[in-house]
Protein backbone atom coordinates (compact mmCIF):
# COMPACT_ATOMS: atom_id res chain seq x y z
CA MET A 1 124.34 93.48 84.06
CA SER A 2 121.13 93.47 82.04
CA GLU A 3 118.05 95.34 83.10
CA LYS A 4 114.47 94.79 81.96
CA LYS A 5 112.57 97.96 81.05
CA ASP A 6 108.93 98.19 80.07
CA ILE A 7 107.42 101.28 78.53
CA LEU A 8 103.79 102.21 79.05
CA VAL A 9 102.05 104.75 76.82
CA LEU A 10 98.91 106.32 78.29
CA SER A 11 96.06 107.98 76.44
CA SER A 12 92.78 109.16 77.91
CA PRO A 13 89.92 106.70 77.54
CA ASN A 14 86.78 107.36 75.52
CA PHE A 15 84.55 106.51 78.48
CA GLY A 16 85.69 109.41 80.71
CA THR A 17 86.71 108.65 84.28
CA GLY A 18 87.19 105.46 86.29
CA LYS A 19 89.77 102.77 86.97
CA GLU A 20 91.33 100.32 84.57
CA THR A 21 94.04 97.70 84.92
CA ILE A 22 96.65 98.23 82.24
CA GLY A 23 98.68 95.07 82.69
CA TYR A 24 100.50 92.54 84.81
CA TYR A 25 104.29 92.57 84.75
CA THR A 26 105.82 89.35 86.06
CA GLY A 27 109.29 87.92 86.40
CA TYR A 28 110.85 90.34 88.88
CA ALA A 29 113.03 89.07 91.72
CA CYS A 30 111.88 90.11 95.19
CA GLY A 31 114.01 93.03 96.37
CA TYR A 32 113.37 92.25 100.03
CA CYS A 33 114.84 88.72 100.06
CA HIS A 34 116.86 89.18 96.82
CA GLY A 35 115.02 86.33 95.10
CA ASN A 36 115.74 83.69 97.76
CA GLY A 37 112.17 83.50 99.05
CA TRP A 38 113.36 82.95 102.61
CA PHE A 39 115.41 84.25 105.54
CA TRP A 40 117.20 82.48 108.36
CA ASN A 41 115.04 82.56 111.49
CA PRO A 42 116.82 84.96 113.89
CA GLU A 43 114.99 83.57 116.94
CA ILE A 44 116.45 80.06 116.62
CA ILE A 45 120.21 80.30 117.00
CA HIS A 46 121.28 76.67 117.49
CA GLU A 47 119.53 75.46 114.29
CA ARG A 48 119.36 76.75 110.75
CA VAL A 49 115.64 77.22 110.15
CA LYS A 50 114.35 79.07 107.10
CA ILE A 51 111.27 81.30 107.28
CA PRO A 52 109.40 82.53 104.18
CA CYS A 53 109.86 86.09 103.01
CA PRO A 54 106.98 88.29 104.25
CA LYS A 55 106.91 90.31 101.02
CA CYS A 56 106.87 87.62 98.30
CA GLY A 57 105.39 84.82 100.42
CA GLY A 58 108.32 82.51 99.78
CA THR A 59 108.18 82.54 95.98
CA GLY A 60 111.22 84.75 95.49
CA HIS A 61 109.40 86.70 92.78
CA VAL A 62 106.96 89.61 92.67
CA LYS A 63 104.74 91.03 89.93
CA GLY A 64 103.58 94.53 89.24
CA ILE A 65 99.93 95.29 88.61
CA VAL A 66 99.53 98.64 86.91
CA THR A 67 96.16 100.29 87.53
CA VAL A 68 95.28 103.74 86.26
CA GLU A 69 92.57 105.86 87.86
CA TRP A 70 91.20 108.59 85.65
CA VAL A 71 89.80 111.61 87.54
CA PRO A 72 88.78 115.14 86.50
CA ASP A 73 91.69 117.56 86.19
CA GLY A 74 91.66 121.33 86.47
CA GLU A 75 89.00 123.83 87.36
CA VAL A 76 85.36 123.83 86.32
CA LYS A 77 84.82 125.88 83.19
CA ALA A 78 83.52 129.40 83.74
CA CYS A 79 80.23 128.73 81.95
CA PHE A 80 79.36 126.08 84.59
CA GLY A 81 80.63 127.96 87.63
CA LYS A 82 78.01 130.73 87.88
CA LYS A 83 74.25 130.48 88.02
CA GLN A 84 72.71 132.18 85.06
CA GLU A 85 69.64 134.27 85.72
CA ILE A 86 66.86 134.29 83.18
């Protein structure tokens, strides 16, 4: 069975911190309904009534939106941590 793999390479931005959307990855089958887009309604037994999947909305497919949030990492440098007296 084939498997689709995407590789994402991150590098810190020139503008410092903040959020950015890296990309949209489409074409994945919904894992909840297995790509059907529907389920049989369990409340109606005498008829076969389909209800849309609550996760994919009935499309059978989902997409991934990759967003990266850049925040400060580590401790404040020693030269900024103490008040210097003049």
